[in-house]
Amino acid sequence: MDLENQLKILIDEAPQYGISPIIIQKAIAPVLQLFAEQLQHSEYYILQNLEENWVLTTIANSDRQQKKVIYAFTSVRDAATFQANADPSIIAAAIPVTHLLFRLFSLEQVDSIFFLNDSHNLNTGIEVRRDRLFQLIQQQLQQITQVPPDIA
């Protein structure tokens, strides 16, 4: 499914999320599209449990700062390869890229999604940080809610 159709679905389903379709169309969708266009695929596979909760991984950098991330894979095989010990209660589910980004925007406990585009090297990918996504959506919201000054 192409990005335009993915975004249309999000706009159509906006009331289910308690958001006005206009807000998604004017503020959220443009930011999601901006990020999605930088990625290589229109859908990714996310590891999730049988209750459809995404698998979070806590990672630490050299400064011992921790963050919670979700890994997004280009194939079921990549997702399976990534799991050191196959857990039968963890499955890989295909999710449209804009829907992943939309969920990231709303998941406060997640810091980033790593999009792993190279099946030959699952140690590198493109990181999309939740705080950056949130910041750009907030800027868009401010732009569409600003009342122009009275020219009279």
Protein backbone atom coordinates (compact mmCIF):
# COMPACT_ATOMS: atom_id res chain seq x y z
CA MET A 1 0.00 0.00 0.00
CA ASP A 2 1.45 3.38 -0.95
CA LEU A 3 1.93 6.25 1.51
CA GLU A 4 -1.05 8.22 0.23
CA ASN A 5 -3.43 5.33 0.91
CA GLN A 6 -1.85 4.68 4.30
CA LEU A 7 -2.38 8.30 5.31
CA LYS A 8 -5.96 8.25 4.01
CA ILE A 9 -6.70 5.30 6.30
CA LEU A 10 -5.27 7.20 9.27
CA ILE A 11 -7.40 10.22 8.43
CA ASP A 12 -10.52 8.08 8.00
CA GLU A 13 -9.86 6.31 11.32
CA ALA A 14 -9.08 9.54 13.21
CA PRO A 15 -12.29 9.50 15.30
CA GLN A 16 -11.29 6.06 16.65
CA TYR A 17 -8.16 7.72 18.07
CA GLY A 18 -10.10 10.65 19.50
CA ILE A 19 -8.54 13.03 16.99
CA SER A 20 -10.18 15.24 14.41
CA PRO A 21 -9.58 14.08 10.82
CA ILE A 22 -8.56 17.66 9.99
CA ILE A 23 -5.81 17.55 12.64
CA ILE A 24 -4.41 14.34 11.17
CA GLN A 25 -4.73 15.65 7.63
CA LYS A 26 -3.20 19.10 8.24
CA ALA A 27 -0.70 18.52 11.07
CA ILE A 28 0.14 14.86 11.60
CA ALA A 29 0.03 13.35 8.09
CA PRO A 30 2.56 15.80 6.56
CA VAL A 31 5.11 14.94 9.27
CA LEU A 32 4.48 11.20 8.98
CA GLN A 33 4.90 11.45 5.22
CA LEU A 34 8.16 13.39 5.61
CA PHE A 35 9.63 10.64 7.79
CA ALA A 36 8.16 7.76 5.77
CA GLU A 37 9.64 9.10 2.52
CA GLN A 38 13.11 8.81 4.08
CA LEU A 39 12.62 5.10 4.68
CA GLN A 40 12.99 2.40 2.04
CA HIS A 41 9.81 0.38 2.46
CA SER A 42 6.08 1.00 2.69
CA GLU A 43 5.64 -1.61 5.43
CA TYR A 44 7.82 -3.16 8.09
CA TYR A 45 7.60 -6.16 10.39
CA ILE A 46 7.42 -5.52 14.11
CA LEU A 47 7.92 -8.15 16.77
CA GLN A 48 4.88 -8.40 19.00
CA ASN A 49 3.36 -10.79 21.50
CA LEU A 50 0.10 -12.65 21.02
CA GLU A 51 -1.81 -9.74 22.63
CA GLU A 52 -0.37 -7.52 19.85
CA ASN A 53 1.86 -5.53 22.21
CA TRP A 54 5.08 -4.51 20.55
CA VAL A 55 8.33 -5.95 21.87
CA LEU A 56 10.41 -3.21 23.45
CA THR A 57 14.16 -3.52 23.75
CA THR A 58 16.19 -1.49 26.21
CA ILE A 59 19.57 -0.47 24.86
CA ALA A 60 22.39 1.56 26.41
CA ASN A 61 24.96 3.73 24.71
CA SER A 62 28.59 4.23 25.74
CA ASP A 63 27.52 6.82 28.35
CA ARG A 64 25.25 4.16 29.91
CA GLN A 65 22.17 6.12 28.99
CA GLN A 66 19.30 3.78 28.32
CA LYS A 67 16.47 4.06 25.88
CA LYS A 68 13.58 1.85 24.87
CA VAL A 69 13.39 1.04 21.20
CA ILE A 70 11.36 -0.99 18.76
CA TYR A 71 13.00 -2.68 15.79
CA ALA A 72 11.30 -2.65 12.40
CA PHE A 73 12.37 -5.25 9.85
CA THR A 74 11.91 -5.53 6.10
CA SER A 75 10.96 -9.21 6.23
CA VAL A 76 9.65 -11.91 8.54
CA ARG A 77 12.96 -13.72 8.06
CA ASP A 78 14.93 -10.71 9.28
CA ALA A 79 12.71 -10.46 12.34
CA ALA A 80 13.19 -14.17 13.08
CA THR A 81 16.96 -13.91 12.56
CA PHE A 82 17.13 -10.98 14.95
CA GLN A 83 15.69 -13.04 17.82
CA ALA A 84 18.56 -14.96 19.36
CA ASN A 85 16.22 -17.48 20.97
CA ALA A 86 13.02 -17.99 19.04
CA ASP A 87 10.07 -17.40 21.33
CA PRO A 88 6.86 -18.98 20.01
CA SER A 89 4.78 -16.30 21.74
CA ILE A 90 6.51 -13.57 19.70
CA ILE A 91 5.38 -13.05 16.12
CA ALA A 92 6.32 -10.63 13.37
CA ALA A 93 3.43 -8.51 12.13
CA ALA A 94 3.47 -6.40 8.96
CA ILE A 95 2.48 -2.80 9.64
CA PRO A 96 2.33 0.12 7.18
CA VAL A 97 5.20 2.54 7.80
CA THR A 98 2.97 5.58 8.43
CA HIS A 99 0.99 3.59 11.00
CA LEU A 100 4.23 2.67 12.77
CA LEU A 101 5.21 6.32 12.92
CA PHE A 102 1.74 7.32 14.11
CA ARG A 103 1.91 4.76 16.91
CA LEU A 104 5.41 5.97 17.83
CA PHE A 105 3.99 9.48 18.21
CA SER A 106 1.49 8.21 20.78
CA LEU A 107 3.72 5.73 22.69
CA GLU A 108 5.36 7.73 25.47
CA GLN A 109 7.31 4.72 26.78
CA VAL A 110 9.15 4.30 23.46
CA ASP A 111 12.14 6.48 22.62
CA SER A 112 12.79 5.36 19.02
CA ILE A 113 12.07 2.95 16.23
CA PHE A 114 15.06 1.52 14.39
CA PHE A 115 14.22 0.68 10.78
CA LEU A 116 16.60 -2.10 9.74
CA ASN A 117 16.67 -1.99 5.95
CA ASP A 118 19.69 -4.18 5.22
CA SER A 119 19.05 -7.92 5.63
CA HIS A 120 22.80 -8.54 5.50
CA ASN A 121 23.51 -6.19 8.40
CA LEU A 122 20.89 -6.02 11.15
CA ASN A 123 23.24 -3.96 13.31
CA THR A 124 22.64 -0.71 11.45
CA GLY A 125 19.49 1.12 10.54
CA ILE A 126 17.67 4.40 10.47
CA GLU A 127 16.58 5.69 13.84
CA VAL A 128 13.39 7.71 14.12
CA ARG A 129 13.27 9.36 17.53
CA ARG A 130 9.89 9.89 19.15
CA ASP A 131 10.88 13.28 20.60
CA ARG A 132 11.82 14.61 17.14
CA LEU A 133 8.61 13.28 15.57
CA PHE A 134 6.58 14.76 18.44
CA GLN A 135 8.35 18.14 18.12
CA LEU A 136 7.63 18.43 14.39
CA ILE A 137 3.97 17.48 14.85
CA GLN A 138 3.66 20.07 17.64
CA GLN A 139 5.10 22.70 15.28
CA GLN A 140 2.58 21.75 12.60
CA LEU A 141 -0.26 21.94 15.14
CA GLN A 142 0.86 25.41 16.18
CA GLN A 143 0.93 26.57 12.57
CA ILE A 144 -2.59 25.40 11.82
CA THR A 145 -4.06 26.75 15.05
CA GLN A 146 -2.51 30.22 14.85
CA VAL A 147 -5.11 32.91 14.30
CA PRO A 148 -3.90 35.51 11.81
CA PRO A 149 -3.72 39.03 13.22
CA ASP A 150 -6.65 41.32 12.47
CA ILE A 151 -5.70 43.37 9.45
CA ALA A 152 -8.57 45.85 9.88
